[in-house]
C-alpha atoms as a PDB file:
ATOM      1  CA  MET A   1      -8.967 -37.207  18.150  1.00  0.00           C
ATOM      2  CA  ASN A   2     -11.446 -36.488  20.910  1.00  0.00           C
ATOM      3  CA  THR A   3     -11.337 -32.724  20.224  1.00  0.00           C
ATOM      4  CA  VAL A   4     -11.586 -32.901  16.437  1.00  0.00           C
ATOM      5  CA  THR A   5     -14.724 -33.373  14.355  1.00  0.00           C
ATOM      6  CA  LEU A   6     -13.735 -35.113  11.145  1.00  0.00           C
ATOM      7  CA  ASP A   7     -15.279 -34.157   7.822  1.00  0.00           C
ATOM      8  CA  ALA A   8     -16.350 -36.870   5.378  1.00  0.00           C
ATOM      9  CA  GLU A   9     -12.997 -37.231   3.614  1.00  0.00           C
ATOM     10  CA  GLN A  10     -11.054 -37.181   6.887  1.00  0.00           C
ATOM     11  CA  GLN A  11     -13.406 -39.833   8.278  1.00  0.00           C
ATOM     12  CA  ARG A  12     -12.872 -42.053   5.250  1.00  0.00           C
ATOM     13  CA  ALA A  13      -9.090 -41.664   5.535  1.00  0.00           C
ATOM     14  CA  ALA A  14      -9.165 -42.289   9.296  1.00  0.00           C
ATOM     15  CA  THR A  15     -11.206 -45.455   8.803  1.00  0.00           C
ATOM     16  CA  ARG A  16      -8.759 -46.740   6.204  1.00  0.00           C
ATOM     17  CA  LEU A  17      -5.802 -45.932   8.494  1.00  0.00           C
ATOM     18  CA  CYS A  18      -7.498 -47.879  11.269  1.00  0.00           C
ATOM     19  CA  GLU A  19      -7.991 -50.809   8.919  1.00  0.00           C
ATOM     20  CA  LEU A  20      -4.298 -50.660   8.105  1.00  0.00           C
ATOM     21  CA  ALA A  21      -3.384 -50.561  11.792  1.00  0.00           C
ATOM     22  CA  GLY A  22      -5.462 -53.688  12.311  1.00  0.00           C
ATOM     23  CA  GLN A  23      -3.867 -55.406   9.322  1.00  0.00           C
ATOM     24  CA  LEU A  24      -0.387 -54.636  10.616  1.00  0.00           C
ATOM     25  CA  GLU A  25      -1.379 -55.895  14.047  1.00  0.00           C
ATOM     26  CA  ARG A  26      -2.660 -59.157  12.562  1.00  0.00           C
ATOM     27  CA  ARG A  27       0.435 -59.502  10.404  1.00  0.00           C
ATOM     28  CA  GLY A  28       2.582 -59.153  13.511  1.00  0.00           C
ATOM     29  CA  ARG A  29       0.648 -61.907  15.286  1.00  0.00           C
ATOM     30  CA  LEU A  30       0.919 -64.208  12.277  1.00  0.00           C
ATOM     31  CA  ARG A  31       4.679 -63.775  12.430  1.00  0.00           C
ATOM     32  CA  GLY A  32       4.709 -64.871  16.032  1.00  0.00           C
ATOM     33  CA  ARG A  33       5.311 -61.477  17.611  1.00  0.00           C
ATOM     34  CA  SER A  34       3.269 -58.432  18.575  1.00  0.00           C
ATOM     35  CA  ALA A  35       5.263 -56.036  16.406  1.00  0.00           C
ATOM     36  CA  PHE A  36       2.287 -53.774  15.743  1.00  0.00           C
ATOM     37  CA  ARG A  37      -0.090 -52.918  18.559  1.00  0.00           C
ATOM     38  CA  THR A  38      -2.675 -50.153  18.632  1.00  0.00           C
ATOM     39  CA  SER A  39      -3.987 -48.329  21.665  1.00  0.00           C
ATOM     40  CA  GLY A  40      -7.465 -47.831  20.235  1.00  0.00           C
ATOM     41  CA  ARG A  41      -7.362 -44.054  20.801  1.00  0.00           C
ATOM     42  CA  PHE A  42      -7.552 -43.241  17.108  1.00  0.00           C
ATOM     43  CA  LEU A  43     -10.777 -44.918  16.056  1.00  0.00           C
ATOM     44  CA  PRO A  44     -12.281 -48.288  16.975  1.00  0.00           C
ATOM     45  CA  LEU A  45     -10.494 -50.921  14.922  1.00  0.00           C
ATOM     46  CA  PRO A  46     -12.785 -52.735  12.492  1.00  0.00           C
ATOM     47  CA  ARG A  47     -13.639 -56.316  13.322  1.00  0.00           C
ATOM     48  CA  GLY A  48     -13.702 -59.270  10.997  1.00  0.00           C
ATOM     49  CA  PRO A  49     -11.803 -59.905   7.772  1.00  0.00           C
ATOM     50  CA  HIS A  50     -10.206 -56.985   5.970  1.00  0.00           C
ATOM     51  CA  PRO A  51     -11.140 -56.520   2.319  1.00  0.00           C
ATOM     52  CA  ARG A  52      -7.728 -55.281   1.213  1.00  0.00           C
ATOM     53  CA  GLY A  53      -4.390 -57.057   1.195  1.00  0.00           C
ATOM     54  CA  ALA A  54      -2.595 -56.907   4.534  1.00  0.00           C
ATOM     55  CA  GLY A  55      -0.157 -54.043   4.717  1.00  0.00           C
ATOM     56  CA  ARG A  56      -1.327 -52.203   1.593  1.00  0.00           C
ATOM     57  CA  GLY A  57      -0.231 -48.585   2.050  1.00  0.00           C
ATOM     58  CA  ILE A  58      -2.099 -45.286   1.893  1.00  0.00           C
ATOM     59  CA  TYR A  59      -1.547 -42.037  -0.029  1.00  0.00           C
ATOM     60  CA  LEU A  60      -3.412 -39.005   1.369  1.00  0.00           C
ATOM     61  CA  HIS A  61      -3.522 -35.907  -0.826  1.00  0.00           C
ATOM     62  CA  GLY A  62      -5.113 -32.480  -0.621  1.00  0.00           C
ATOM     63  CA  ARG A  63      -4.436 -28.796  -0.193  1.00  0.00           C
ATOM     64  CA  PRO A  64      -2.345 -27.545   2.753  1.00  0.00           C
ATOM     65  CA  GLY A  65      -3.955 -27.485   6.170  1.00  0.00           C
ATOM     66  CA  ARG A  66      -6.704 -30.037   5.499  1.00  0.00           C
ATOM     67  CA  GLY A  67      -5.646 -32.519   8.185  1.00  0.00           C
ATOM     68  CA  LYS A  68      -3.510 -34.999   6.233  1.00  0.00           C
ATOM     69  CA  THR A  69      -0.531 -34.780   8.585  1.00  0.00           C
ATOM     70  CA  MET A  70      -2.796 -34.805  11.640  1.00  0.00           C
ATOM     71  CA  LEU A  71      -4.330 -38.096  10.502  1.00  0.00           C
ATOM     72  CA  MET A  72      -1.024 -39.726   9.601  1.00  0.00           C
ATOM     73  CA  ASP A  73       0.662 -38.646  12.833  1.00  0.00           C
ATOM     74  CA  GLU A  74      -2.199 -39.962  14.961  1.00  0.00           C
ATOM     75  CA  PHE A  75      -1.993 -43.270  13.100  1.00  0.00           C
ATOM     76  CA  PHE A  76       1.796 -43.376  13.492  1.00  0.00           C
ATOM     77  CA  ALA A  77       1.630 -42.615  17.218  1.00  0.00           C
ATOM     78  CA  ASN A  78      -0.867 -45.396  17.825  1.00  0.00           C
ATOM     79  CA  VAL A  79       0.904 -48.179  15.974  1.00  0.00           C
ATOM     80  CA  THR A  80       3.273 -49.487  18.611  1.00  0.00           C
ATOM     81  CA  THR A  81       6.464 -50.910  17.195  1.00  0.00           C
ATOM     82  CA  ASP A  82      10.133 -50.042  17.052  1.00  0.00           C
ATOM     83  CA  ARG A  83      10.107 -50.931  13.345  1.00  0.00           C
ATOM     84  CA  LYS A  84       8.454 -47.732  12.162  1.00  0.00           C
ATOM     85  CA  ARG A  85       9.882 -44.434  10.951  1.00  0.00           C
ATOM     86  CA  ARG A  86       8.290 -41.076  10.155  1.00  0.00           C
ATOM     87  CA  TYR A  87      10.093 -38.479   8.012  1.00  0.00           C
ATOM     88  CA  HIS A  88       9.381 -35.225   6.296  1.00  0.00           C
ATOM     89  CA  PHE A  89      10.100 -36.369   2.762  1.00  0.00           C
ATOM     90  CA  HIS A  90      12.824 -33.842   1.966  1.00  0.00           C
ATOM     91  CA  GLU A  91      14.626 -34.859   5.184  1.00  0.00           C
ATOM     92  CA  PHE A  92      14.511 -38.524   4.185  1.00  0.00           C
ATOM     93  CA  PHE A  93      15.687 -37.764   0.664  1.00  0.00           C
ATOM     94  CA  ALA A  94      18.616 -35.759   2.041  1.00  0.00           C
ATOM     95  CA  ARG A  95      19.566 -38.712   4.257  1.00  0.00           C
ATOM     96  CA  LEU A  96      19.261 -41.073   1.319  1.00  0.00           C
ATOM     97  CA  HIS A  97      21.508 -38.933  -0.888  1.00  0.00           C
ATOM     98  CA  ASN A  98      24.133 -38.821   1.871  1.00  0.00           C
ATOM     99  CA  ALA A  99      23.940 -42.585   2.356  1.00  0.00           C
ATOM    100  CA  ILE A 100      24.306 -43.242  -1.381  1.00  0.00           C
ATOM    101  CA  ALA A 101      27.379 -40.999  -1.411  1.00  0.00           C
ATOM    102  CA  ALA A 102      28.799 -42.981   1.509  1.00  0.00           C
ATOM    103  CA  PHE A 103      27.913 -46.524   0.376  1.00  0.00           C
ATOM    104  CA  GLY A 104      27.849 -46.125  -3.397  1.00  0.00           C
ATOM    105  CA  GLU A 105      24.600 -47.964  -4.146  1.00  0.00           C
ATOM    106  CA  LEU A 106      20.930 -47.787  -3.260  1.00  0.00           C
ATOM    107  CA  PRO A 107      20.493 -51.183  -1.500  1.00  0.00           C
ATOM    108  CA  ALA A 108      23.330 -50.521   0.945  1.00  0.00           C
ATOM    109  CA  ALA A 109      22.117 -46.956   1.470  1.00  0.00           C
ATOM    110  CA  LEU A 110      18.597 -48.178   2.298  1.00  0.00           C
ATOM    111  CA  ASN A 111      20.001 -50.738   4.719  1.00  0.00           C
ATOM    112  CA  ALA A 112      21.830 -47.938   6.521  1.00  0.00           C
ATOM    113  CA  VAL A 113      18.904 -45.499   6.576  1.00  0.00           C
ATOM    114  CA  LEU A 114      15.996 -47.870   7.222  1.00  0.00           C
ATOM    115  CA  GLU A 115      17.562 -50.917   8.902  1.00  0.00           C
ATOM    116  CA  ASP A 116      14.665 -53.322   9.615  1.00  0.00           C
ATOM    117  CA  VAL A 117      11.802 -50.838   9.187  1.00  0.00           C
ATOM    118  CA  GLU A 118       8.415 -52.310   8.253  1.00  0.00           C
ATOM    119  CA  LEU A 119       6.245 -49.172   8.426  1.00  0.00           C
ATOM    120  CA  LEU A 120       7.452 -45.970   6.754  1.00  0.00           C
ATOM    121  CA  CYS A 121       5.544 -42.665   6.834  1.00  0.00           C
ATOM    122  CA  PHE A 122       6.412 -39.720   4.563  1.00  0.00           C
ATOM    123  CA  ASP A 123       4.971 -36.247   5.140  1.00  0.00           C
ATOM    124  CA  GLU A 124       4.857 -33.721   2.255  1.00  0.00           C
ATOM    125  CA  PHE A 125       5.781 -36.207  -0.471  1.00  0.00           C
ATOM    126  CA  HIS A 126       6.708 -34.346  -3.643  1.00  0.00           C
ATOM    127  CA  VAL A 127       9.236 -34.243  -6.466  1.00  0.00           C
ATOM    128  CA  HIS A 128      10.345 -31.377  -8.703  1.00  0.00           C
ATOM    129  CA  ASP A 129      13.609 -32.497 -10.280  1.00  0.00           C
ATOM    130  CA  VAL A 130      13.802 -35.146 -13.007  1.00  0.00           C
ATOM    131  CA  GLY A 131      16.962 -36.591 -11.461  1.00  0.00           C
ATOM    132  CA  ASP A 132      15.167 -37.026  -8.144  1.00  0.00           C
ATOM    133  CA  ALA A 133      12.214 -38.534 -10.024  1.00  0.00           C
ATOM    134  CA  ILE A 134      14.406 -41.305 -11.428  1.00  0.00           C
ATOM    135  CA  LEU A 135      15.923 -42.030  -8.009  1.00  0.00           C
ATOM    136  CA  LEU A 136      12.462 -41.938  -6.434  1.00  0.00           C
ATOM    137  CA  THR A 137      11.232 -44.591  -8.856  1.00  0.00           C
ATOM    138  CA  ARG A 138      14.113 -46.850  -7.820  1.00  0.00           C
ATOM    139  CA  LEU A 139      13.383 -46.088  -4.167  1.00  0.00           C
ATOM    140  CA  LEU A 140       9.722 -47.083  -4.484  1.00  0.00           C
ATOM    141  CA  GLU A 141      10.660 -50.289  -6.297  1.00  0.00           C
ATOM    142  CA  ALA A 142      13.059 -51.157  -3.473  1.00  0.00           C
ATOM    143  CA  LEU A 143      10.588 -50.320  -0.688  1.00  0.00           C
ATOM    144  CA  PHE A 144       7.800 -52.403  -2.169  1.00  0.00           C
ATOM    145  CA  ALA A 145      10.192 -55.275  -2.945  1.00  0.00           C
ATOM    146  CA  ARG A 146      11.071 -55.281   0.766  1.00  0.00           C
ATOM    147  CA  ARG A 147       7.340 -55.345   1.638  1.00  0.00           C
ATOM    148  CA  ILE A 148       7.651 -52.119   3.591  1.00  0.00           C
ATOM    149  CA  THR A 149       4.240 -50.584   4.261  1.00  0.00           C
ATOM    150  CA  LEU A 150       4.163 -46.969   3.097  1.00  0.00           C
ATOM    151  CA  VAL A 151       1.865 -44.168   4.306  1.00  0.00           C
ATOM    152  CA  VAL A 152       2.245 -40.840   2.516  1.00  0.00           C
ATOM    153  CA  THR A 153       0.820 -37.326   2.624  1.00  0.00           C
ATOM    154  CA  SER A 154       1.108 -34.986  -0.340  1.00  0.00           C
ATOM    155  CA  ASN A 155      -0.447 -31.800  -1.622  1.00  0.00           C
ATOM    156  CA  TYR A 156      -0.967 -33.479  -4.993  1.00  0.00           C
ATOM    157  CA  PRO A 157      -2.426 -36.725  -6.323  1.00  0.00           C
ATOM    158  CA  PRO A 158       0.238 -38.926  -7.938  1.00  0.00           C
ATOM    159  CA  GLU A 159      -0.607 -37.815 -11.485  1.00  0.00           C
ATOM    160  CA  GLN A 160       0.122 -34.168 -10.634  1.00  0.00           C
ATOM    161  CA  LEU A 161       3.651 -34.775  -9.355  1.00  0.00           C
ATOM    162  CA  LEU A 162       6.454 -33.508 -11.620  1.00  0.00           C
ATOM    163  CA  PRO A 163       3.870 -31.840 -13.908  1.00  0.00           C
ATOM    164  CA  ASN A 164       6.245 -30.367 -16.489  1.00  0.00           C
ATOM    165  CA  PRO A 165       5.197 -32.084 -19.754  1.00  0.00           C
ATOM    166  CA  LEU A 166       8.838 -32.231 -20.840  1.00  0.00           C
ATOM    167  CA  THR A 167       9.786 -34.428 -17.868  1.00  0.00           C
ATOM    168  CA  HIS A 168       6.538 -35.955 -16.609  1.00  0.00           C
ATOM    169  CA  ALA A 169       6.998 -39.167 -18.595  1.00  0.00           C
ATOM    170  CA  LYS A 170      10.103 -39.924 -16.532  1.00  0.00           C
ATOM    171  CA  PHE A 171       7.903 -40.150 -13.439  1.00  0.00           C
ATOM    172  CA  GLU A 172       5.092 -42.254 -14.879  1.00  0.00           C
ATOM    173  CA  PRO A 173       6.660 -45.552 -13.665  1.00  0.00           C
ATOM    174  CA  ALA A 174       6.661 -44.143 -10.121  1.00  0.00           C
ATOM    175  CA  ILE A 175       3.030 -43.050 -10.470  1.00  0.00           C
ATOM    176  CA  ALA A 176       2.117 -46.576 -11.550  1.00  0.00           C
ATOM    177  CA  LEU A 177       3.905 -47.989  -8.494  1.00  0.00           C
ATOM    178  CA  LEU A 178       2.070 -45.616  -6.165  1.00  0.00           C
ATOM    179  CA  ARG A 179      -1.301 -46.504  -7.675  1.00  0.00           C
ATOM    180  CA  THR A 180      -0.533 -50.236  -7.570  1.00  0.00           C
ATOM    181  CA  HIS A 181       0.674 -50.430  -3.976  1.00  0.00           C
ATOM    182  CA  LEU A 182      -1.184 -47.613  -2.187  1.00  0.00           C
ATOM    183  CA  ASP A 183      -4.815 -46.653  -1.699  1.00  0.00           C
ATOM    184  CA  VAL A 184      -5.002 -43.050  -2.943  1.00  0.00           C
ATOM    185  CA  LEU A 185      -7.477 -40.985  -0.904  1.00  0.00           C
ATOM    186  CA  PRO A 186      -8.339 -37.261  -1.044  1.00  0.00           C
ATOM    187  CA  VAL A 187      -8.300 -35.202   2.159  1.00  0.00           C
ATOM    188  CA  ASP A 188      -9.262 -31.817   0.777  1.00  0.00           C
ATOM    189  CA  GLY A 189     -12.117 -30.340   2.799  1.00  0.00           C
ATOM    190  CA  GLY A 190     -12.978 -26.656   2.873  1.00  0.00           C
ATOM    191  CA  GLN A 191     -11.409 -25.796   6.245  1.00  0.00           C
ATOM    192  CA  ASP A 192      -7.723 -24.820   6.412  1.00  0.00           C
ATOM    193  CA  TYR A 193      -6.964 -25.709  10.033  1.00  0.00           C
ATOM    194  CA  ARG A 194      -3.732 -23.719  10.027  1.00  0.00           C
ATOM    195  CA  LEU A 195      -5.748 -20.516   9.820  1.00  0.00           C
ATOM    196  CA  LEU A 196      -7.608 -21.257  13.055  1.00  0.00           C
ATOM    197  CA  GLY A 197      -4.708 -20.027  15.173  1.00  0.00           C
ATOM    198  CA  GLY A 198      -3.259 -21.764  18.192  1.00  0.00           C
ATOM    199  CA  ALA A 199      -0.212 -21.636  20.400  1.00  0.00           C
ATOM    200  CA  HIS A 200       2.338 -19.069  19.248  1.00  0.00           C
ATOM    201  CA  THR A 201       5.473 -21.090  19.819  1.00  0.00           C
ATOM    202  CA  GLY A 202       8.190 -22.401  17.538  1.00  0.00           C
ATOM    203  CA  PHE A 203       7.559 -21.432  13.914  1.00  0.00           C
ATOM    204  CA  ALA A 204       4.361 -19.570  14.816  1.00  0.00           C
ATOM    205  CA  ALA A 205       6.249 -17.356  17.294  1.00  0.00           C
ATOM    206  CA  GLY A 206       7.846 -15.516  14.376  1.00  0.00           C
ATOM    207  CA  ILE A 207       6.778 -12.308  12.680  1.00  0.00           C
ATOM    208  CA  PHE A 208       6.217 -11.136   9.115  1.00  0.00           C
ATOM    209  CA  VAL A 209       7.187  -7.494   8.583  1.00  0.00           C
ATOM    210  CA  HIS A 210       6.701  -5.478   5.419  1.00  0.00           C
ATOM    211  CA  GLY A 211       9.740  -3.319   5.962  1.00  0.00           C
ATOM    212  CA  GLU A 212      13.486  -3.118   6.424  1.00  0.00           C
ATOM    213  CA  CYS A 213      15.419  -5.478   8.666  1.00  0.00           C
ATOM    214  CA  PRO A 214      16.952  -3.581  11.611  1.00  0.00           C
ATOM    215  CA  ILE A 215      19.924  -5.929  11.959  1.00  0.00           C
ATOM    216  CA  GLN A 216      23.073  -4.947  10.074  1.00  0.00           C
ATOM    217  CA  GLY A 217      26.489  -6.581   9.789  1.00  0.00           C
ATOM    218  CA  ARG A 218      28.386  -9.190   7.830  1.00  0.00           C
ATOM    219  CA  VAL A 219      29.555 -12.651   8.870  1.00  0.00           C
ATOM    220  CA  ASP A 220      30.972 -15.322   6.573  1.00  0.00           C
ATOM    221  CA  LEU A 221      29.162 -18.629   6.961  1.00  0.00           C
ATOM    222  CA  ALA A 222      30.586 -21.885   5.584  1.00  0.00           C
ATOM    223  CA  ILE A 223      28.022 -24.334   4.283  1.00  0.00           C
ATOM    224  CA  ALA A 224      28.360 -27.185   1.782  1.00  0.00           C
ATOM    225  CA  HIS A 225      31.892 -26.272   0.656  1.00  0.00           C
ATOM    226  CA  ARG A 226      30.879 -22.694  -0.091  1.00  0.00           C
ATOM    227  CA  VAL A 227      30.646 -19.427   1.807  1.00  0.00           C
ATOM    228  CA  VAL A 228      27.492 -17.351   2.187  1.00  0.00           C
ATOM    229  CA  HIS A 229      27.290 -13.968   3.872  1.00  0.00           C
ATOM    230  CA  ALA A 230      25.007 -13.541   6.878  1.00  0.00           C
ATOM    231  CA  ARG A 231      24.170 -10.337   8.735  1.00  0.00           C
ATOM    232  CA  ALA A 232      24.642 -12.077  12.074  1.00  0.00           C
ATOM    233  CA  ALA A 233      25.222 -15.632  13.271  1.00  0.00           C
ATOM    234  CA  GLY A 234      25.657 -16.825  16.828  1.00  0.00           C
ATOM    235  CA  ASN A 235      23.904 -17.546  20.114  1.00  0.00           C
ATOM    236  CA  ASP A 236      21.540 -19.929  18.323  1.00  0.00           C
ATOM    237  CA  GLU A 237      20.349 -17.154  15.952  1.00  0.00           C
ATOM    238  CA  LEU A 238      20.905 -16.559  12.245  1.00  0.00           C
ATOM    239  CA  THR A 239      20.095 -13.350  10.364  1.00  0.00           C
ATOM    240  CA  ILE A 240      20.628 -13.552   6.618  1.00  0.00           C
ATOM    241  CA  ASP A 241      19.339 -12.076   3.360  1.00  0.00           C
ATOM    242  CA  PHE A 242      16.971 -13.919   1.055  1.00  0.00           C
ATOM    243  CA  ALA A 243      19.446 -13.617  -1.822  1.00  0.00           C
ATOM    244  CA  GLU A 244      22.170 -15.411   0.144  1.00  0.00           C
ATOM    245  CA  LEU A 245      19.902 -18.304   1.136  1.00  0.00           C
ATOM    246  CA  CYS A 246      17.959 -18.715  -2.084  1.00  0.00           C
ATOM    247  CA  GLY A 247      20.292 -17.256  -4.685  1.00  0.00           C
ATOM    248  CA  SER A 248      23.091 -19.637  -3.722  1.00  0.00           C
ATOM    249  CA  PRO A 249      22.971 -23.271  -4.929  1.00  0.00           C
ATOM    250  CA  LEU A 250      21.882 -24.653  -1.556  1.00  0.00           C
ATOM    251  CA  SER A 251      19.682 -27.707  -1.059  1.00  0.00           C
ATOM    252  CA  ALA A 252      17.151 -28.756   1.559  1.00  0.00           C
ATOM    253  CA  ALA A 253      19.949 -30.840   3.096  1.00  0.00           C
ATOM    254  CA  ASP A 254      22.049 -27.676   3.489  1.00  0.00           C
ATOM    255  CA  TYR A 255      19.171 -25.895   5.209  1.00  0.00           C
ATOM    256  CA  LEU A 256      18.753 -28.892   7.506  1.00  0.00           C
ATOM    257  CA  THR A 257      22.437 -28.655   8.413  1.00  0.00           C
ATOM    258  CA  LEU A 258      22.003 -24.992   9.359  1.00  0.00           C
ATOM    259  CA  THR A 259      19.030 -25.801  11.605  1.00  0.00           C
ATOM    260  CA  ARG A 260      21.328 -27.862  13.808  1.00  0.00           C
ATOM    261  CA  SER A 261      23.290 -24.711  14.647  1.00  0.00           C
ATOM    262  CA  TYR A 262      20.571 -22.045  14.576  1.00  0.00           C
ATOM    263  CA  ARG A 263      17.140 -22.329  16.167  1.00  0.00           C
ATOM    264  CA  ARG A 264      15.923 -18.767  15.540  1.00  0.00           C
ATOM    265  CA  TRP A 265      16.006 -17.449  11.970  1.00  0.00           C
ATOM    266  CA  THR A 266      15.553 -13.980  10.501  1.00  0.00           C
ATOM    267  CA  VAL A 267      15.422 -13.649   6.708  1.00  0.00           C
ATOM    268  CA  CYS A 268      15.772 -10.125   5.302  1.00  0.00           C
ATOM    269  CA  GLU A 269      14.996  -8.406   2.000  1.00  0.00           C
ATOM    270  CA  VAL A 270      12.503 -11.010   0.772  1.00  0.00           C
ATOM    271  CA  PRO A 271      11.208  -9.724  -2.586  1.00  0.00           C
ATOM    272  CA  ALA A 272       8.050 -10.373  -4.564  1.00  0.00           C
ATOM    273  CA  LEU A 273       8.714 -13.897  -5.746  1.00  0.00           C
ATOM    274  CA  HIS A 274       7.652 -13.272  -9.330  1.00  0.00           C
ATOM    275  CA  SER A 275      10.688 -11.002  -9.646  1.00  0.00           C
ATOM    276  CA  VAL A 276      13.276 -13.716  -8.939  1.00  0.00           C
ATOM    277  CA  PRO A 277      14.332 -16.808 -10.931  1.00  0.00           C
ATOM    278  CA  MET A 278      12.363 -20.023 -10.567  1.00  0.00           C
ATOM    279  CA  ASP A 279      15.190 -21.841  -8.774  1.00  0.00           C
ATOM    280  CA  TRP A 280      15.254 -19.088  -6.128  1.00  0.00           C
ATOM    281  CA  ARG A 281      11.505 -19.564  -5.554  1.00  0.00           C
ATOM    282  CA  THR A 282      11.949 -23.326  -5.288  1.00  0.00           C
ATOM    283  CA  ARG A 283      14.694 -22.893  -2.673  1.00  0.00           C
ATOM    284  CA  TRP A 284      12.478 -20.495  -0.717  1.00  0.00           C
ATOM    285  CA  THR A 285       9.749 -23.128  -0.628  1.00  0.00           C
ATOM    286  CA  SER A 286      12.260 -25.758   0.530  1.00  0.00           C
ATOM    287  CA  LEU A 287      13.594 -23.426   3.230  1.00  0.00           C
ATOM    288  CA  ILE A 288      10.121 -22.741   4.626  1.00  0.00           C
ATOM    289  CA  ASP A 289       9.373 -26.485   4.588  1.00  0.00           C
ATOM    290  CA  VAL A 290      12.542 -27.205   6.569  1.00  0.00           C
ATOM    291  CA  LEU A 291      11.959 -24.484   9.177  1.00  0.00           C
ATOM    292  CA  TYR A 292       8.270 -25.303   9.544  1.00  0.00           C
ATOM    293  CA  ASP A 293       8.856 -29.019   9.967  1.00  0.00           C
ATOM    294  CA  ALA A 294      11.597 -28.352  12.549  1.00  0.00           C
ATOM    295  CA  ASP A 295       9.233 -25.881  14.279  1.00  0.00           C
ATOM    296  CA  LEU A 296      11.908 -23.175  14.429  1.00  0.00           C
ATOM    297  CA  GLU A 297      11.069 -19.512  14.933  1.00  0.00           C
ATOM    298  CA  LEU A 298      11.148 -17.570  11.656  1.00  0.00           C
ATOM    299  CA  ASN A 299      11.076 -13.792  11.284  1.00  0.00           C
ATOM    300  CA  VAL A 300      10.623 -12.412   7.775  1.00  0.00           C
ATOM    301  CA  TYR A 301      11.395  -8.855   6.655  1.00  0.00           C
ATOM    302  CA  ALA A 302       9.924  -8.491   3.191  1.00  0.00           C
ATOM    303  CA  GLU A 303       9.882  -5.812   0.539  1.00  0.00           C
ATOM    304  CA  VAL A 304       6.151  -6.442   0.010  1.00  0.00           C
ATOM    305  CA  SER A 305       3.170  -7.783   1.961  1.00  0.00           C
ATOM    306  CA  LEU A 306       2.566 -11.535   2.018  1.00  0.00           C
ATOM    307  CA  PRO A 307      -0.236 -11.426  -0.601  1.00  0.00           C
ATOM    308  CA  ASP A 308       2.037  -9.409  -2.895  1.00  0.00           C
ATOM    309  CA  LEU A 309       4.949 -11.708  -2.097  1.00  0.00           C
ATOM    310  CA  ILE A 310       3.228 -14.691  -3.691  1.00  0.00           C
ATOM    311  CA  GLU A 311       1.135 -12.885  -6.329  1.00  0.00           C
ATOM    312  CA  SER A 312       1.820 -13.824  -9.968  1.00  0.00           C
ATOM    313  CA  SER A 313       4.045 -16.742  -8.927  1.00  0.00           C
ATOM    314  CA  ALA A 314       1.812 -19.548 -10.134  1.00  0.00           C
ATOM    315  CA  GLY A 315       4.771 -21.284 -11.747  1.00  0.00           C
ATOM    316  CA  THR A 316       5.919 -22.470  -8.338  1.00  0.00           C
ATOM    317  CA  ARG A 317       3.357 -25.165  -7.547  1.00  0.00           C
ATOM    318  CA  ASP A 318       4.146 -25.429  -3.843  1.00  0.00           C
ATOM    319  CA  LEU A 319       3.648 -21.733  -3.072  1.00  0.00           C
ATOM    320  CA  GLN A 320       0.148 -22.407  -1.750  1.00  0.00           C
ATOM    321  CA  ARG A 321       1.705 -24.523   0.983  1.00  0.00           C
ATOM    322  CA  THR A 322       4.385 -21.890   1.589  1.00  0.00           C
ATOM    323  CA  ALA A 323       1.769 -19.137   1.891  1.00  0.00           C
ATOM    324  CA  SER A 324      -0.257 -21.258   4.305  1.00  0.00           C
ATOM    325  CA  ARG A 325       2.787 -21.701   6.514  1.00  0.00           C
ATOM    326  CA  LEU A 326       3.885 -18.076   6.384  1.00  0.00           C
ATOM    327  CA  SER A 327       0.336 -17.032   7.255  1.00  0.00           C
ATOM    328  CA  ARG A 328       0.963 -18.362  10.762  1.00  0.00           C
ATOM    329  CA  LEU A 329       3.459 -15.569  11.392  1.00  0.00           C
ATOM    330  CA  SER A 330       2.240 -12.500  13.262  1.00  0.00           C
ATOM    331  CA  GLY A 331       1.635  -9.617  10.861  1.00  0.00           C
ATOM    332  CA  ALA A 332       1.140 -11.798   7.794  1.00  0.00           C
ATOM    333  CA  ARG A 333      -2.372 -10.408   6.998  1.00  0.00           C
ATOM    334  CA  VAL A 334      -3.951 -13.837   6.766  1.00  0.00           C
ATOM    335  CA  ASP A 335      -7.325 -12.504   5.649  1.00  0.00           C
ATOM    336  CA  GLU A 336      -5.868 -11.193   2.386  1.00  0.00           C
ATOM    337  CA  ILE A 337      -4.210 -14.424   1.270  1.00  0.00           C
ATOM    338  CA  ARG A 338      -5.926 -16.204  -1.593  1.00  0.00           C
END
């Protein structure tokens, strides 16, 4: 963190992460092994007794681009152990669903996915579906029963997850678990670091074009026991229409599967999101999350500019994050995004 000046909330979060690193280090020594070791690059580790229980986790929340992932990743990199895992949350949940399908029950699925993990980090923790909310509650109960230390980033504080008043009560037990076992800290300063620019590689190497896609054609693509129609697929590249990707009942796990075959994506005919059904918007958000986290090049050919793409789509709560990520594409007119 030598090149980054932390604001007050980032500093508070960094200090707490350093306390946790020290607690995990001490816990490792008490168990007769040096399972957790820190290099000291992050921040000087505090000396003396720690005021909180050893291994109590951390929940960082705030708007996109405020440094939550930067802080968690620096912490994760500097806790030296082979008993740690770091996942984008939708990737972990996809793995968990697959393991439950294979093993038939949550305990066996967790054994397969986590093995002997003691430190688990989730980036972009969120939940939209009531079915996932129920499974997530069971997951949290199991993780805390196993004394796994959890560090989480999210765009929302726990109380704002699954906000629909018709379903929110189903998630209240999970909120109580998060508040009981994690220190909840805001990281929500005024600077969106993603708008500062940087190396134009991976996801940021892509373009956003308000116009027609020049690539034509039709290729049948098999995914998740169904067929979608792409414009082109091959040589590590996929060109496909928005309606095929987001109008079909595909999940984040399906998008992850496609990323293993295609490293350069072009999505055509992206409309103003207020004009499509809510489930299409939700899939679009999931798709952008998957491609961004995998750092794959994305080219977007849209029917409207980026500000118009997201205008009047307040019903999709994660669109602020999606807009922040799309703003990294060349031609996205970052200065007009609100």
